[in-house]
Amino acid sequence: MQVDGEIDGQTHVDKKLVISESGSIKGDVYAEHFIVNGRFNGICYADKVEILSKGDVEGTIYSDDLSIEAGGRFKGVTASAPEKPVVDLCDIKDTQKNSAERNKAQQSGE
């Protein structure tokens, strides 16, 4: 999938996600291969991340394979990829969020 416009929110792609020079994503990204040549601000979980020469990334990257071309910019932190495959992480995060919301509703008597 290639992003030429703007996305604000969670993006989940099983294979390759590309942000073109004109594209931007703000939010969580889950992908096997993530290529940034536009703007990204958020948290990324990917097996492989490439920041190209026009790429501008701000946030947290969870990956064991990160490359940054000359001219590419990265401001944030990196960490090793979690033990679980990236495509499974999105489901786990959603389950945890839904569980937390149910617990909050039960505590408030809803």
C-alpha atoms as a PDB file:
ATOM      1  CA  MET A   1       0.000   0.000   0.000  1.00  0.00           C
ATOM      2  CA  GLN A   2       1.260   3.496  -0.829  1.00  0.00           C
ATOM      3  CA  VAL A   3       0.155   6.652   0.979  1.00  0.00           C
ATOM      4  CA  ASP A   4       0.206   9.820  -1.138  1.00  0.00           C
ATOM      5  CA  GLY A   5      -2.147  11.827   1.095  1.00  0.00           C
ATOM      6  CA  GLU A   6      -2.686  12.039   4.855  1.00  0.00           C
ATOM      7  CA  ILE A   7      -3.688   9.393   7.381  1.00  0.00           C
ATOM      8  CA  ASP A   8      -4.445  10.210  11.004  1.00  0.00           C
ATOM      9  CA  GLY A   9      -4.911   7.039  13.043  1.00  0.00           C
ATOM     10  CA  GLN A  10      -3.857   3.423  13.168  1.00  0.00           C
ATOM     11  CA  THR A  11      -2.614   1.817   9.939  1.00  0.00           C
ATOM     12  CA  HIS A  12      -2.247  -1.955   9.643  1.00  0.00           C
ATOM     13  CA  VAL A  13      -0.730  -3.512   6.502  1.00  0.00           C
ATOM     14  CA  ASP A  14       0.282  -7.178   6.266  1.00  0.00           C
ATOM     15  CA  LYS A  15       3.092  -6.591   3.764  1.00  0.00           C
ATOM     16  CA  LYS A  16       4.675  -3.320   2.563  1.00  0.00           C
ATOM     17  CA  LEU A  17       3.603   0.207   3.504  1.00  0.00           C
ATOM     18  CA  VAL A  18       5.159   3.145   1.631  1.00  0.00           C
ATOM     19  CA  ILE A  19       4.748   6.828   2.468  1.00  0.00           C
ATOM     20  CA  SER A  20       5.559   8.823  -0.679  1.00  0.00           C
ATOM     21  CA  GLU A  21       7.106  12.330  -0.651  1.00  0.00           C
ATOM     22  CA  SER A  22       3.622  13.878  -0.610  1.00  0.00           C
ATOM     23  CA  GLY A  23       2.250  11.493   2.026  1.00  0.00           C
ATOM     24  CA  SER A  24       2.064  11.596   5.801  1.00  0.00           C
ATOM     25  CA  ILE A  25       0.857   9.353   8.602  1.00  0.00           C
ATOM     26  CA  LYS A  26       0.210  10.348  12.201  1.00  0.00           C
ATOM     27  CA  GLY A  27      -0.515   7.416  14.506  1.00  0.00           C
ATOM     28  CA  ASP A  28       0.432   3.781  15.027  1.00  0.00           C
ATOM     29  CA  VAL A  29       1.755   1.767  12.085  1.00  0.00           C
ATOM     30  CA  TYR A  30       1.946  -2.024  11.855  1.00  0.00           C
ATOM     31  CA  ALA A  31       3.628  -3.437   8.746  1.00  0.00           C
ATOM     32  CA  GLU A  32       6.071  -6.088   7.659  1.00  0.00           C
ATOM     33  CA  HIS A  33       8.107  -3.564   5.635  1.00  0.00           C
ATOM     34  CA  PHE A  34       7.733   0.198   6.212  1.00  0.00           C
ATOM     35  CA  ILE A  35       9.293   2.712   3.797  1.00  0.00           C
ATOM     36  CA  VAL A  36       9.131   6.436   4.583  1.00  0.00           C
ATOM     37  CA  ASN A  37       9.867   9.105   1.980  1.00  0.00           C
ATOM     38  CA  GLY A  38       7.323  11.567   3.409  1.00  0.00           C
ATOM     39  CA  ARG A  39       6.347  12.350   7.008  1.00  0.00           C
ATOM     40  CA  PHE A  40       5.590   9.935   9.829  1.00  0.00           C
ATOM     41  CA  ASN A  41       4.809  10.818  13.441  1.00  0.00           C
ATOM     42  CA  GLY A  42       3.889   8.016  15.824  1.00  0.00           C
ATOM     43  CA  ILE A  43       4.798   4.501  16.842  1.00  0.00           C
ATOM     44  CA  CYS A  44       5.930   1.971  14.255  1.00  0.00           C
ATOM     45  CA  TYR A  45       6.066  -1.808  14.607  1.00  0.00           C
ATOM     46  CA  ALA A  46       7.758  -3.343  11.552  1.00  0.00           C
ATOM     47  CA  ASP A  47      10.151  -6.129  10.658  1.00  0.00           C
ATOM     48  CA  LYS A  48      12.040  -3.765   8.339  1.00  0.00           C
ATOM     49  CA  VAL A  49      12.050   0.070   8.292  1.00  0.00           C
ATOM     50  CA  GLU A  50      13.657   2.289   5.641  1.00  0.00           C
ATOM     51  CA  ILE A  51      13.801   6.069   5.953  1.00  0.00           C
ATOM     52  CA  LEU A  52      14.603   7.415   2.483  1.00  0.00           C
ATOM     53  CA  SER A  53      16.313  10.712   1.608  1.00  0.00           C
ATOM     54  CA  LYS A  54      13.087  12.782   1.829  1.00  0.00           C
ATOM     55  CA  GLY A  55      11.751  10.880   4.853  1.00  0.00           C
ATOM     56  CA  ASP A  56      11.038  12.685   8.120  1.00  0.00           C
ATOM     57  CA  VAL A  57      10.218  10.426  11.075  1.00  0.00           C
ATOM     58  CA  GLU A  58       9.389  11.435  14.636  1.00  0.00           C
ATOM     59  CA  GLY A  59       8.411   8.887  17.255  1.00  0.00           C
ATOM     60  CA  THR A  60       9.259   5.344  18.292  1.00  0.00           C
ATOM     61  CA  ILE A  61      10.357   2.536  15.993  1.00  0.00           C
ATOM     62  CA  TYR A  62      10.183  -1.088  17.109  1.00  0.00           C
ATOM     63  CA  SER A  63      12.297  -2.991  14.583  1.00  0.00           C
ATOM     64  CA  ASP A  64      15.520  -4.966  14.344  1.00  0.00           C
ATOM     65  CA  ASP A  65      16.194  -3.768  10.785  1.00  0.00           C
ATOM     66  CA  LEU A  66      16.355   0.044  10.420  1.00  0.00           C
ATOM     67  CA  SER A  67      18.158   1.973   7.683  1.00  0.00           C
ATOM     68  CA  ILE A  68      18.316   5.723   7.072  1.00  0.00           C
ATOM     69  CA  GLU A  69      19.487   7.150   3.730  1.00  0.00           C
ATOM     70  CA  ALA A  70      21.565  10.320   3.551  1.00  0.00           C
ATOM     71  CA  GLY A  71      19.136  13.232   3.911  1.00  0.00           C
ATOM     72  CA  GLY A  72      16.569  11.203   5.828  1.00  0.00           C
ATOM     73  CA  ARG A  73      15.679  12.497   9.293  1.00  0.00           C
ATOM     74  CA  PHE A  74      14.751  10.594  12.440  1.00  0.00           C
ATOM     75  CA  LYS A  75      13.930  12.094  15.837  1.00  0.00           C
ATOM     76  CA  GLY A  76      12.881   9.646  18.506  1.00  0.00           C
ATOM     77  CA  VAL A  77      13.809   6.300  19.951  1.00  0.00           C
ATOM     78  CA  THR A  78      14.274   2.808  18.635  1.00  0.00           C
ATOM     79  CA  ALA A  79      13.849  -0.521  20.369  1.00  0.00           C
ATOM     80  CA  SER A  80      14.091  -4.167  19.413  1.00  0.00           C
ATOM     81  CA  ALA A  81      11.052  -5.686  17.794  1.00  0.00           C
ATOM     82  CA  PRO A  82       8.703  -7.474  20.200  1.00  0.00           C
ATOM     83  CA  GLU A  83       8.817 -11.269  20.335  1.00  0.00           C
ATOM     84  CA  LYS A  84       5.448 -11.666  18.588  1.00  0.00           C
ATOM     85  CA  PRO A  85       5.093 -11.167  14.810  1.00  0.00           C
ATOM     86  CA  VAL A  86       4.158  -7.591  13.911  1.00  0.00           C
ATOM     87  CA  VAL A  87       0.822  -8.542  12.341  1.00  0.00           C
ATOM     88  CA  ASP A  88      -0.273 -10.089  15.675  1.00  0.00           C
ATOM     89  CA  LEU A  89       0.621  -6.980  17.722  1.00  0.00           C
ATOM     90  CA  CYS A  90      -2.290  -4.942  16.391  1.00  0.00           C
ATOM     91  CA  ASP A  91      -4.778  -7.581  17.535  1.00  0.00           C
ATOM     92  CA  ILE A  92      -3.163  -7.773  20.997  1.00  0.00           C
ATOM     93  CA  LYS A  93      -3.218  -3.994  21.430  1.00  0.00           C
ATOM     94  CA  ASP A  94      -6.901  -3.813  20.403  1.00  0.00           C
ATOM     95  CA  THR A  95      -7.787  -6.647  22.817  1.00  0.00           C
ATOM     96  CA  GLN A  96      -5.981  -4.885  25.682  1.00  0.00           C
ATOM     97  CA  LYS A  97      -7.740  -1.596  24.885  1.00  0.00           C
ATOM     98  CA  ASN A  98     -11.175  -3.247  24.757  1.00  0.00           C
ATOM     99  CA  SER A  99     -10.488  -5.079  28.033  1.00  0.00           C
ATOM    100  CA  ALA A 100      -9.425  -1.830  29.736  1.00  0.00           C
ATOM    101  CA  GLU A 101     -12.583  -0.088  28.478  1.00  0.00           C
ATOM    102  CA  ARG A 102     -14.783  -2.932  29.809  1.00  0.00           C
ATOM    103  CA  ASN A 103     -13.067  -2.789  33.201  1.00  0.00           C
ATOM    104  CA  LYS A 104     -13.541   0.982  33.375  1.00  0.00           C
ATOM    105  CA  ALA A 105     -17.237   0.648  32.489  1.00  0.00           C
ATOM    106  CA  GLN A 106     -17.730  -2.055  35.151  1.00  0.00           C
ATOM    107  CA  GLN A 107     -16.025   0.061  37.804  1.00  0.00           C
ATOM    108  CA  SER A 108     -18.218   3.052  37.023  1.00  0.00           C
ATOM    109  CA  GLY A 109     -21.362   0.886  37.221  1.00  0.00           C
ATOM    110  CA  GLU A 110     -22.333   1.046  33.569  1.00  0.00           C
END
